Amino acid sequence: MASVDNIRNGLIEKILSIKNKDFLIALDKIITSSASESEIIELTKEQQLMLEMSERDIKEGKLISQEAMNKRNLEWLDAM
């Protein structure tokens, strides 16, 4: 598996060879947007509470399989 430095250097070499201005602008937008997505997002108290409740459900085994959830959803939709 390639190291992060190897990947980064490979990308830099490829970017340096690109002559298409529109492509470079689009690439810049992608890189800029992904960099902003990695920012830390503050959760509201309600969101934190919901996550804590979910973790408690997992610890207590209060789970449902995806298959069972799909069946439940179809039954609910049929009832409408």
PDB file of N, CA and C in Angstrom:
ATOM      1  N   MET A   1       0.842  -1.177   0.000  1.00  0.00           N
ATOM      2  CA  MET A   1       0.000   0.000   0.000  1.00  0.00           C
ATOM      3  C   MET A   1       0.885   1.238   0.000  1.00  0.00           C
ATOM      4  N   ALA A   2       0.528   2.202  -0.824  1.00  0.00           N
ATOM      5  CA  ALA A   2       1.327   3.412  -0.951  1.00  0.00           C
ATOM      6  C   ALA A   2       1.181   4.285   0.289  1.00  0.00           C
ATOM      7  N   SER A   3       2.271   4.916   0.659  1.00  0.00           N
ATOM      8  CA  SER A   3       2.217   5.812   1.809  1.00  0.00           C
ATOM      9  C   SER A   3       1.542   7.115   1.396  1.00  0.00           C
ATOM     10  N   VAL A   4       1.118   7.872   2.384  1.00  0.00           N
ATOM     11  CA  VAL A   4       0.464   9.153   2.126  1.00  0.00           C
ATOM     12  C   VAL A   4       1.394  10.066   1.336  1.00  0.00           C
ATOM     13  N   ASP A   5       2.670  10.070   1.699  1.00  0.00           N
ATOM     14  CA  ASP A   5       3.625  10.933   0.987  1.00  0.00           C
ATOM     15  C   ASP A   5       3.749  10.532  -0.477  1.00  0.00           C
ATOM     16  N   ASN A   6       3.776   9.224  -0.740  1.00  0.00           N
ATOM     17  CA  ASN A   6       3.874   8.760  -2.131  1.00  0.00           C
ATOM     18  C   ASN A   6       2.647   9.168  -2.937  1.00  0.00           C
ATOM     19  N   ILE A   7       1.491   9.012  -2.343  1.00  0.00           N
ATOM     20  CA  ILE A   7       0.251   9.395  -3.030  1.00  0.00           C
ATOM     21  C   ILE A   7       0.244  10.889  -3.304  1.00  0.00           C
ATOM     22  N   ARG A   8       0.587  11.675  -2.292  1.00  0.00           N
ATOM     23  CA  ARG A   8       0.610  13.131  -2.436  1.00  0.00           C
ATOM     24  C   ARG A   8       1.585  13.557  -3.529  1.00  0.00           C
ATOM     25  N   ASN A   9       2.780  12.981  -3.517  1.00  0.00           N
ATOM     26  CA  ASN A   9       3.777  13.345  -4.529  1.00  0.00           C
ATOM     27  C   ASN A   9       3.327  12.945  -5.931  1.00  0.00           C
ATOM     28  N   GLY A  10       2.684  11.789  -6.040  1.00  0.00           N
ATOM     29  CA  GLY A  10       2.158  11.367  -7.328  1.00  0.00           C
ATOM     30  C   GLY A  10       1.098  12.319  -7.837  1.00  0.00           C
ATOM     31  N   LEU A  11       0.232  12.750  -6.936  1.00  0.00           N
ATOM     32  CA  LEU A  11      -0.811  13.707  -7.327  1.00  0.00           C
ATOM     33  C   LEU A  11      -0.208  15.047  -7.761  1.00  0.00           C
ATOM     34  N   ILE A  12       0.795  15.497  -7.034  1.00  0.00           N
ATOM     35  CA  ILE A  12       1.448  16.764  -7.376  1.00  0.00           C
ATOM     36  C   ILE A  12       2.055  16.679  -8.775  1.00  0.00           C
ATOM     37  N   GLU A  13       2.727  15.563  -9.069  1.00  0.00           N
ATOM     38  CA  GLU A  13       3.314  15.381 -10.410  1.00  0.00           C
ATOM     39  C   GLU A  13       2.247  15.417 -11.491  1.00  0.00           C
ATOM     40  N   LYS A  14       1.135  14.751 -11.239  1.00  0.00           N
ATOM     41  CA  LYS A  14       0.054  14.738 -12.217  1.00  0.00           C
ATOM     42  C   LYS A  14      -0.567  16.121 -12.386  1.00  0.00           C
ATOM     43  N   ILE A  15      -0.758  16.833 -11.292  1.00  0.00           N
ATOM     44  CA  ILE A  15      -1.347  18.173 -11.366  1.00  0.00           C
ATOM     45  C   ILE A  15      -0.435  19.114 -12.135  1.00  0.00           C
ATOM     46  N   LEU A  16       0.865  18.986 -11.913  1.00  0.00           N
ATOM     47  CA  LEU A  16       1.810  19.859 -12.617  1.00  0.00           C
ATOM     48  C   LEU A  16       1.783  19.650 -14.128  1.00  0.00           C
ATOM     49  N   SER A  17       1.358  18.471 -14.562  1.00  0.00           N
ATOM     50  CA  SER A  17       1.331  18.200 -16.000  1.00  0.00           C
ATOM     51  C   SER A  17       0.020  18.636 -16.668  1.00  0.00           C
ATOM     52  N   ILE A  18      -0.980  19.022 -15.881  1.00  0.00           N
ATOM     53  CA  ILE A  18      -2.279  19.417 -16.435  1.00  0.00           C
ATOM     54  C   ILE A  18      -2.182  20.827 -16.999  1.00  0.00           C
ATOM     55  N   LYS A  19      -2.656  20.988 -18.234  1.00  0.00           N
ATOM     56  CA  LYS A  19      -2.634  22.299 -18.895  1.00  0.00           C
ATOM     57  C   LYS A  19      -4.032  22.904 -19.020  1.00  0.00           C
ATOM     58  N   ASN A  20      -5.065  22.100 -18.816  1.00  0.00           N
ATOM     59  CA  ASN A  20      -6.434  22.548 -18.991  1.00  0.00           C
ATOM     60  C   ASN A  20      -6.874  23.393 -17.792  1.00  0.00           C
ATOM     61  N   LYS A  21      -7.087  24.687 -18.041  1.00  0.00           N
ATOM     62  CA  LYS A  21      -7.428  25.635 -16.974  1.00  0.00           C
ATOM     63  C   LYS A  21      -8.754  25.260 -16.303  1.00  0.00           C
ATOM     64  N   ASP A  22      -9.771  24.922 -17.095  1.00  0.00           N
ATOM     65  CA  ASP A  22     -11.081  24.577 -16.536  1.00  0.00           C
ATOM     66  C   ASP A  22     -10.990  23.348 -15.626  1.00  0.00           C
ATOM     67  N   PHE A  23     -10.192  22.386 -16.056  1.00  0.00           N
ATOM     68  CA  PHE A  23     -10.004  21.184 -15.241  1.00  0.00           C
ATOM     69  C   PHE A  23      -9.340  21.534 -13.919  1.00  0.00           C
ATOM     70  N   LEU A  24      -8.326  22.389 -13.974  1.00  0.00           N
ATOM     71  CA  LEU A  24      -7.625  22.789 -12.752  1.00  0.00           C
ATOM     72  C   LEU A  24      -8.548  23.569 -11.817  1.00  0.00           C
ATOM     73  N   ILE A  25      -9.403  24.416 -12.377  1.00  0.00           N
ATOM     74  CA  ILE A  25     -10.367  25.167 -11.558  1.00  0.00           C
ATOM     75  C   ILE A  25     -11.322  24.192 -10.869  1.00  0.00           C
ATOM     76  N   ALA A  26     -11.823  23.211 -11.626  1.00  0.00           N
ATOM     77  CA  ALA A  26     -12.735  22.213 -11.052  1.00  0.00           C
ATOM     78  C   ALA A  26     -12.036  21.407  -9.965  1.00  0.00           C
ATOM     79  N   LEU A  27     -10.800  21.028 -10.209  1.00  0.00           N
ATOM     80  CA  LEU A  27     -10.024  20.275  -9.225  1.00  0.00           C
ATOM     81  C   LEU A  27      -9.816  21.102  -7.957  1.00  0.00           C
ATOM     82  N   ASP A  28      -9.538  22.382  -8.133  1.00  0.00           N
ATOM     83  CA  ASP A  28      -9.365  23.276  -6.995  1.00  0.00           C
ATOM     84  C   ASP A  28     -10.641  23.342  -6.156  1.00  0.00           C
ATOM     85  N   LYS A  29     -11.786  23.399  -6.821  1.00  0.00           N
ATOM     86  CA  LYS A  29     -13.063  23.438  -6.095  1.00  0.00           C
ATOM     87  C   LYS A  29     -13.284  22.156  -5.307  1.00  0.00           C
ATOM     88  N   ILE A  30     -12.944  21.023  -5.905  1.00  0.00           N
ATOM     89  CA  ILE A  30     -13.099  19.741  -5.214  1.00  0.00           C
ATOM     90  C   ILE A  30     -12.216  19.693  -3.972  1.00  0.00           C
ATOM     91  N   ILE A  31     -10.970  20.092  -4.138  1.00  0.00           N
ATOM     92  CA  ILE A  31     -10.030  20.053  -3.016  1.00  0.00           C
ATOM     93  C   ILE A  31     -10.457  21.024  -1.928  1.00  0.00           C
ATOM     94  N   THR A  32     -10.901  22.210  -2.329  1.00  0.00           N
ATOM     95  CA  THR A  32     -11.328  23.211  -1.358  1.00  0.00           C
ATOM     96  C   THR A  32     -12.557  22.742  -0.599  1.00  0.00           C
ATOM     97  N   SER A  33     -13.524  22.155  -1.309  1.00  0.00           N
ATOM     98  CA  SER A  33     -14.748  21.713  -0.629  1.00  0.00           C
ATOM     99  C   SER A  33     -14.477  20.540   0.294  1.00  0.00           C
ATOM    100  N   SER A  34     -13.592  19.629  -0.094  1.00  0.00           N
ATOM    101  CA  SER A  34     -13.308  18.488   0.780  1.00  0.00           C
ATOM    102  C   SER A  34     -12.516  18.931   2.002  1.00  0.00           C
ATOM    103  N   ALA A  35     -11.720  19.972   1.863  1.00  0.00           N
ATOM    104  CA  ALA A  35     -10.971  20.473   3.009  1.00  0.00           C
ATOM    105  C   ALA A  35     -11.923  21.099   4.021  1.00  0.00           C
ATOM    106  N   SER A  36     -12.952  21.784   3.541  1.00  0.00           N
ATOM    107  CA  SER A  36     -13.900  22.403   4.467  1.00  0.00           C
ATOM    108  C   SER A  36     -14.800  21.357   5.108  1.00  0.00           C
ATOM    109  N   GLU A  37     -15.007  20.217   4.446  1.00  0.00           N
ATOM    110  CA  GLU A  37     -15.832  19.158   5.015  1.00  0.00           C
ATOM    111  C   GLU A  37     -15.147  18.483   6.191  1.00  0.00           C
ATOM    112  N   SER A  38     -13.839  18.576   6.267  1.00  0.00           N
ATOM    113  CA  SER A  38     -13.128  17.916   7.351  1.00  0.00           C
ATOM    114  C   SER A  38     -13.083  18.779   8.612  1.00  0.00           C
ATOM    115  N   GLU A  39     -13.726  19.938   8.582  1.00  0.00           N
ATOM    116  CA  GLU A  39     -13.769  20.784   9.760  1.00  0.00           C
ATOM    117  C   GLU A  39     -14.623  20.121  10.832  1.00  0.00           C
ATOM    118  N   ILE A  40     -14.332  20.431  12.060  1.00  0.00           N
ATOM    119  CA  ILE A  40     -15.099  19.876  13.174  1.00  0.00           C
ATOM    120  C   ILE A  40     -16.451  20.569  13.221  1.00  0.00           C
ATOM    121  N   ILE A  41     -17.482  19.769  13.312  1.00  0.00           N
ATOM    122  CA  ILE A  41     -18.839  20.303  13.365  1.00  0.00           C
ATOM    123  C   ILE A  41     -19.356  20.139  14.780  1.00  0.00           C
ATOM    124  N   GLU A  42     -19.844  21.214  15.355  1.00  0.00           N
ATOM    125  CA  GLU A  42     -20.392  21.172  16.707  1.00  0.00           C
ATOM    126  C   GLU A  42     -21.814  20.634  16.662  1.00  0.00           C
ATOM    127  N   LEU A  43     -22.087  19.658  17.495  1.00  0.00           N
ATOM    128  CA  LEU A  43     -23.420  19.088  17.572  1.00  0.00           C
ATOM    129  C   LEU A  43     -24.238  19.844  18.615  1.00  0.00           C
ATOM    130  N   THR A  44     -25.547  19.902  18.359  1.00  0.00           N
ATOM    131  CA  THR A  44     -26.437  20.499  19.345  1.00  0.00           C
ATOM    132  C   THR A  44     -26.592  19.525  20.506  1.00  0.00           C
ATOM    133  N   LYS A  45     -27.131  20.003  21.614  1.00  0.00           N
ATOM    134  CA  LYS A  45     -27.372  19.129  22.762  1.00  0.00           C
ATOM    135  C   LYS A  45     -28.328  18.004  22.386  1.00  0.00           C
ATOM    136  N   GLU A  46     -29.312  18.322  21.545  1.00  0.00           N
ATOM    137  CA  GLU A  46     -30.279  17.326  21.114  1.00  0.00           C
ATOM    138  C   GLU A  46     -29.607  16.233  20.277  1.00  0.00           C
ATOM    139  N   GLN A  47     -28.697  16.638  19.386  1.00  0.00           N
ATOM    140  CA  GLN A  47     -27.979  15.669  18.562  1.00  0.00           C
ATOM    141  C   GLN A  47     -27.095  14.780  19.426  1.00  0.00           C
ATOM    142  N   GLN A  48     -26.423  15.379  20.403  1.00  0.00           N
ATOM    143  CA  GLN A  48     -25.582  14.604  21.314  1.00  0.00           C
ATOM    144  C   GLN A  48     -26.426  13.606  22.098  1.00  0.00           C
ATOM    145  N   LEU A  49     -27.601  14.035  22.561  1.00  0.00           N
ATOM    146  CA  LEU A  49     -28.497  13.156  23.303  1.00  0.00           C
ATOM    147  C   LEU A  49     -28.952  11.988  22.434  1.00  0.00           C
ATOM    148  N   MET A  50     -29.294  12.257  21.174  1.00  0.00           N
ATOM    149  CA  MET A  50     -29.723  11.192  20.274  1.00  0.00           C
ATOM    150  C   MET A  50     -28.605  10.174  20.057  1.00  0.00           C
ATOM    151  N   LEU A  51     -27.372  10.641  19.905  1.00  0.00           N
ATOM    152  CA  LEU A  51     -26.242   9.727  19.741  1.00  0.00           C
ATOM    153  C   LEU A  51     -26.024   8.893  20.991  1.00  0.00           C
ATOM    154  N   GLU A  52     -26.150   9.519  22.156  1.00  0.00           N
ATOM    155  CA  GLU A  52     -25.998   8.778  23.406  1.00  0.00           C
ATOM    156  C   GLU A  52     -27.091   7.716  23.539  1.00  0.00           C
ATOM    157  N   MET A  53     -28.310   8.069  23.151  1.00  0.00           N
ATOM    158  CA  MET A  53     -29.413   7.109  23.210  1.00  0.00           C
ATOM    159  C   MET A  53     -29.155   5.945  22.250  1.00  0.00           C
ATOM    160  N   SER A  54     -28.622   6.249  21.077  1.00  0.00           N
ATOM    161  CA  SER A  54     -28.307   5.207  20.103  1.00  0.00           C
ATOM    162  C   SER A  54     -27.235   4.274  20.637  1.00  0.00           C
ATOM    163  N   GLU A  55     -26.210   4.836  21.241  1.00  0.00           N
ATOM    164  CA  GLU A  55     -25.142   4.013  21.810  1.00  0.00           C
ATOM    165  C   GLU A  55     -25.677   3.120  22.925  1.00  0.00           C
ATOM    166  N   ARG A  56     -26.598   3.647  23.742  1.00  0.00           N
ATOM    167  CA  ARG A  56     -27.195   2.857  24.811  1.00  0.00           C
ATOM    168  C   ARG A  56     -28.012   1.703  24.224  1.00  0.00           C
ATOM    169  N   ASP A  57     -28.768   1.993  23.158  1.00  0.00           N
ATOM    170  CA  ASP A  57     -29.544   0.938  22.500  1.00  0.00           C
ATOM    171  C   ASP A  57     -28.636  -0.171  21.978  1.00  0.00           C
ATOM    172  N   ILE A  58     -27.510   0.211  21.405  1.00  0.00           N
ATOM    173  CA  ILE A  58     -26.569  -0.778  20.877  1.00  0.00           C
ATOM    174  C   ILE A  58     -26.030  -1.638  22.009  1.00  0.00           C
ATOM    175  N   LYS A  59     -25.620  -1.008  23.110  1.00  0.00           N
ATOM    176  CA  LYS A  59     -25.076  -1.750  24.248  1.00  0.00           C
ATOM    177  C   LYS A  59     -26.105  -2.704  24.834  1.00  0.00           C
ATOM    178  N   GLU A  60     -27.382  -2.292  24.805  1.00  0.00           N
ATOM    179  CA  GLU A  60     -28.451  -3.109  25.382  1.00  0.00           C
ATOM    180  C   GLU A  60     -29.023  -4.106  24.378  1.00  0.00           C
ATOM    181  N   GLY A  61     -28.476  -4.129  23.170  1.00  0.00           N
ATOM    182  CA  GLY A  61     -28.915  -5.089  22.169  1.00  0.00           C
ATOM    183  C   GLY A  61     -30.244  -4.746  21.529  1.00  0.00           C
ATOM    184  N   LYS A  62     -30.674  -3.529  21.652  1.00  0.00           N
ATOM    185  CA  LYS A  62     -31.940  -3.098  21.048  1.00  0.00           C
ATOM    186  C   LYS A  62     -31.690  -2.746  19.584  1.00  0.00           C
ATOM    187  N   LEU A  63     -31.488  -3.791  18.783  1.00  0.00           N
ATOM    188  CA  LEU A  63     -31.147  -3.611  17.379  1.00  0.00           C
ATOM    189  C   LEU A  63     -32.160  -4.312  16.500  1.00  0.00           C
ATOM    190  N   ILE A  64     -32.187  -3.935  15.230  1.00  0.00           N
ATOM    191  CA  ILE A  64     -33.025  -4.584  14.244  1.00  0.00           C
ATOM    192  C   ILE A  64     -32.188  -4.709  12.969  1.00  0.00           C
ATOM    193  N   SER A  65     -32.303  -5.845  12.311  1.00  0.00           N
ATOM    194  CA  SER A  65     -31.516  -6.051  11.098  1.00  0.00           C
ATOM    195  C   SER A  65     -32.069  -5.185   9.971  1.00  0.00           C
ATOM    196  N   GLN A  66     -31.244  -4.945   8.962  1.00  0.00           N
ATOM    197  CA  GLN A  66     -31.682  -4.164   7.811  1.00  0.00           C
ATOM    198  C   GLN A  66     -32.839  -4.865   7.116  1.00  0.00           C
ATOM    199  N   GLU A  67     -32.762  -6.189   7.047  1.00  0.00           N
ATOM    200  CA  GLU A  67     -33.829  -6.967   6.406  1.00  0.00           C
ATOM    201  C   GLU A  67     -35.150  -6.785   7.153  1.00  0.00           C
ATOM    202  N   ALA A  68     -35.105  -6.864   8.478  1.00  0.00           N
ATOM    203  CA  ALA A  68     -36.315  -6.682   9.278  1.00  0.00           C
ATOM    204  C   ALA A  68     -36.846  -5.259   9.149  1.00  0.00           C
ATOM    205  N   MET A  69     -35.940  -4.298   9.086  1.00  0.00           N
ATOM    206  CA  MET A  69     -36.363  -2.903   8.932  1.00  0.00           C
ATOM    207  C   MET A  69     -37.019  -2.698   7.570  1.00  0.00           C
ATOM    208  N   ASN A  70     -36.461  -3.287   6.533  1.00  0.00           N
ATOM    209  CA  ASN A  70     -37.060  -3.170   5.204  1.00  0.00           C
ATOM    210  C   ASN A  70     -38.467  -3.757   5.195  1.00  0.00           C
ATOM    211  N   LYS A  71     -38.624  -4.927   5.852  1.00  0.00           N
ATOM    212  CA  LYS A  71     -39.939  -5.567   5.927  1.00  0.00           C
ATOM    213  C   LYS A  71     -40.922  -4.674   6.675  1.00  0.00           C
ATOM    214  N   ARG A  72     -40.484  -4.124   7.786  1.00  0.00           N
ATOM    215  CA  ARG A  72     -41.331  -3.238   8.583  1.00  0.00           C
ATOM    216  C   ARG A  72     -41.755  -2.008   7.765  1.00  0.00           C
ATOM    217  N   ASN A  73     -40.803  -1.441   7.032  1.00  0.00           N
ATOM    218  CA  ASN A  73     -41.109  -0.265   6.209  1.00  0.00           C
ATOM    219  C   ASN A  73     -42.113  -0.598   5.115  1.00  0.00           C
ATOM    220  N   LEU A  74     -41.948  -1.757   4.470  1.00  0.00           N
ATOM    221  CA  LEU A  74     -42.896  -2.154   3.429  1.00  0.00           C
ATOM    222  C   LEU A  74     -44.290  -2.370   3.999  1.00  0.00           C
ATOM    223  N   GLU A  75     -44.356  -2.982   5.174  1.00  0.00           N
ATOM    224  CA  GLU A  75     -45.653  -3.182   5.813  1.00  0.00           C
ATOM    225  C   GLU A  75     -46.297  -1.834   6.149  1.00  0.00           C
ATOM    226  N   TRP A  76     -45.503  -0.909   6.623  1.00  0.00           N
ATOM    227  CA  TRP A  76     -46.011   0.416   6.959  1.00  0.00           C
ATOM    228  C   TRP A  76     -46.513   1.129   5.705  1.00  0.00           C
ATOM    229  N   LEU A  77     -45.746   1.028   4.613  1.00  0.00           N
ATOM    230  CA  LEU A  77     -46.157   1.666   3.357  1.00  0.00           C
ATOM    231  C   LEU A  77     -47.433   1.043   2.810  1.00  0.00           C
ATOM    232  N   ASP A  78     -47.581  -0.278   2.936  1.00  0.00           N
ATOM    233  CA  ASP A  78     -48.784  -0.956   2.457  1.00  0.00           C
ATOM    234  C   ASP A  78     -50.012  -0.530   3.259  1.00  0.00           C
ATOM    235  N   ALA A  79     -49.810  -0.202   4.519  1.00  0.00           N
ATOM    236  CA  ALA A  79     -50.925   0.189   5.382  1.00  0.00           C
ATOM    237  C   ALA A  79     -51.440   1.589   5.062  1.00  0.00           C
ATOM    238  N   MET A  80     -50.699   2.332   4.329  1.00  0.00           N
ATOM    239  CA  MET A  80     -51.090   3.719   4.039  1.00  0.00           C
ATOM    240  C   MET A  80     -52.117   3.800   2.954  1.00  0.00           C
TER     241      MET A  80
END
